[in-house]
């Protein structure tokens, strides 16, 4: 009767003592964690992991590159078209000038512009 009235049996005391020892071990480990080797350094991980299963190909990047290539092609086509139109205009002006010279009977050096290239 004395054991049950005092507050517990030997088993409960052993469990309490074991729990207390575990708590004590945890506290001492927690309190001295910076004194362990490497405890003061912050663990970091690389941004790109070697031997990763992740695909290297980036869909957005390739789409941007394709769009840039298409725009470059359009730009080249526009400049070529502009050159073609300028050449047509030059030919048209040359033919008109030639007709004017034929009708007037003048020579290319007579127009006062210091000579007109034909």
Foldseek 3Di string as FASTA:
>chain_A
DVQVVVPHDPVVVVVVVVVVVVVVVVVVCVVCQCVPVVSVPDDDDDPDDPPDPDDPDDPVVVVVVVVVVVVVVVVVVVVVVVVVVVVVVVVVVVVVVVVVCVVVVHDQCPPPPNGDDD
